[in-house]
Structures are given as structure tokens and as C-alpha cells.
Amino acid sequence: MKLYKQYRDTKSYDDDFLRWLLIRKLNLKQQLAIIFVLWMVWIIFAPNLVFWVNFFKYTIIISLITALIAFIKKRLKY
């Protein structure tokens, strides 16, 4: 809760939590550590075409299921 209270008190109008955390709260070493981890994840998964095909396939399936559930809830509401 302490971090959330600091976020509420010191954020700018257009800052979301992640931007506020990365730019305003973390020091340089922590920012570099996050950049390094993201870079390593990219190096591991970027060349793997099968992973990306499956990732987007399941993303589309999940989004279609979510849209279908929202549509059904909307139809049952009326």
C-alpha cells in the first residue's frame, strides 16, 4: 500500500503506474536490470517462430472467447 500511496501522491496527469515506476521511482541500476531481463527474454523467444505462431493463435482464441462471452451477457441482459 505504501507504493500505491506514493504513486497517487506524486504521479503526473498522464502517468500510468508502470511509467511512473520505471521513470520516477526506480534508480538507474534497477532500470538497467529490467532492460536486461526484457532483452534476454526477447533474445530467447524472438527467433522461435513456432512460439510466436502459437502465442498469436491462443491470443486470438482467448479474445474471441472473451468477445463471445461479452456478447452473450449483453444479449441476455436485454
Protein backbone atom coordinates (compact mmCIF):
# COMPACT_ATOMS: atom_id res chain seq x y z
CA MET A 1 0.00 0.00 0.00
CA LYS A 2 2.92 2.34 0.62
CA LEU A 3 3.95 2.21 -3.03
CA TYR A 4 0.39 2.88 -4.18
CA LYS A 5 0.08 5.89 -1.87
CA GLN A 6 3.35 7.29 -3.22
CA TYR A 7 2.07 6.73 -6.74
CA ARG A 8 -1.17 8.56 -6.02
CA ASP A 9 0.62 11.48 -4.38
CA THR A 10 3.43 12.03 -6.90
CA LYS A 11 2.06 10.98 -10.29
CA SER A 12 1.55 13.35 -13.19
CA TYR A 13 -1.72 13.67 -15.06
CA ASP A 14 -0.69 11.36 -17.91
CA ASP A 15 1.41 8.84 -15.92
CA ASP A 16 0.23 5.28 -15.57
CA PHE A 17 1.69 3.07 -12.86
CA LEU A 18 4.31 1.32 -14.98
CA ARG A 19 5.61 4.57 -16.47
CA TRP A 20 5.71 6.19 -13.05
CA LEU A 21 7.55 3.20 -11.60
CA LEU A 22 10.15 2.99 -14.38
CA ILE A 23 10.86 6.71 -14.75
CA ARG A 24 10.29 8.25 -11.34
CA LYS A 25 10.72 5.52 -8.74
CA LEU A 26 13.47 3.14 -9.88
CA ASN A 27 17.12 4.11 -9.91
CA LEU A 28 19.46 3.54 -12.85
CA LYS A 29 20.66 0.09 -11.75
CA GLN A 30 17.10 -1.17 -11.35
CA GLN A 31 16.11 0.26 -14.73
CA LEU A 32 19.11 -1.40 -16.38
CA ALA A 33 18.25 -4.71 -14.71
CA ILE A 34 14.71 -4.57 -16.11
CA ILE A 35 16.05 -3.65 -19.56
CA PHE A 36 18.48 -6.57 -19.41
CA VAL A 37 15.78 -9.06 -18.39
CA LEU A 38 13.46 -7.87 -21.17
CA TRP A 39 16.30 -8.05 -23.68
CA MET A 40 17.15 -11.62 -22.62
CA VAL A 41 13.51 -12.66 -22.92
CA TRP A 42 13.44 -11.15 -26.41
CA ILE A 43 16.66 -12.95 -27.42
CA ILE A 44 15.27 -16.28 -26.18
CA PHE A 45 11.79 -16.05 -27.74
CA ALA A 46 12.24 -13.87 -30.85
CA PRO A 47 13.84 -16.49 -33.13
CA ASN A 48 11.34 -19.17 -32.15
CA LEU A 49 8.70 -18.94 -34.89
CA VAL A 50 6.61 -21.80 -33.51
CA PHE A 51 6.30 -19.98 -30.19
CA TRP A 52 5.02 -16.81 -31.89
CA VAL A 53 2.53 -18.67 -34.07
CA ASN A 54 1.13 -20.46 -31.03
CA PHE A 55 1.17 -17.25 -28.97
CA PHE A 56 -0.89 -15.33 -31.52
CA LYS A 57 -3.17 -18.31 -32.13
CA TYR A 58 -4.03 -18.57 -28.44
CA THR A 59 -4.30 -14.79 -28.12
CA ILE A 60 -6.88 -14.72 -30.91
CA ILE A 61 -8.76 -17.66 -29.40
CA ILE A 62 -8.88 -16.02 -25.96
CA SER A 63 -10.01 -12.68 -27.43
CA LEU A 64 -12.77 -14.40 -29.43
CA ILE A 65 -13.97 -16.28 -26.35
CA THR A 66 -13.96 -13.04 -24.35
CA ALA A 67 -15.91 -11.22 -27.08
CA LEU A 68 -18.40 -14.08 -27.29
CA ILE A 69 -18.95 -14.04 -23.52
CA ALA A 70 -19.46 -10.26 -23.58
CA PHE A 71 -21.91 -10.60 -26.49
CA ILE A 72 -23.89 -13.33 -24.73
CA LYS A 73 -24.05 -11.33 -21.50
CA LYS A 74 -25.24 -8.29 -23.44
CA ARG A 75 -27.94 -10.32 -25.24
CA LEU A 76 -29.16 -11.90 -22.00
CA LYS A 77 -29.34 -8.51 -20.32
CA TYR A 78 -31.96 -7.21 -22.79
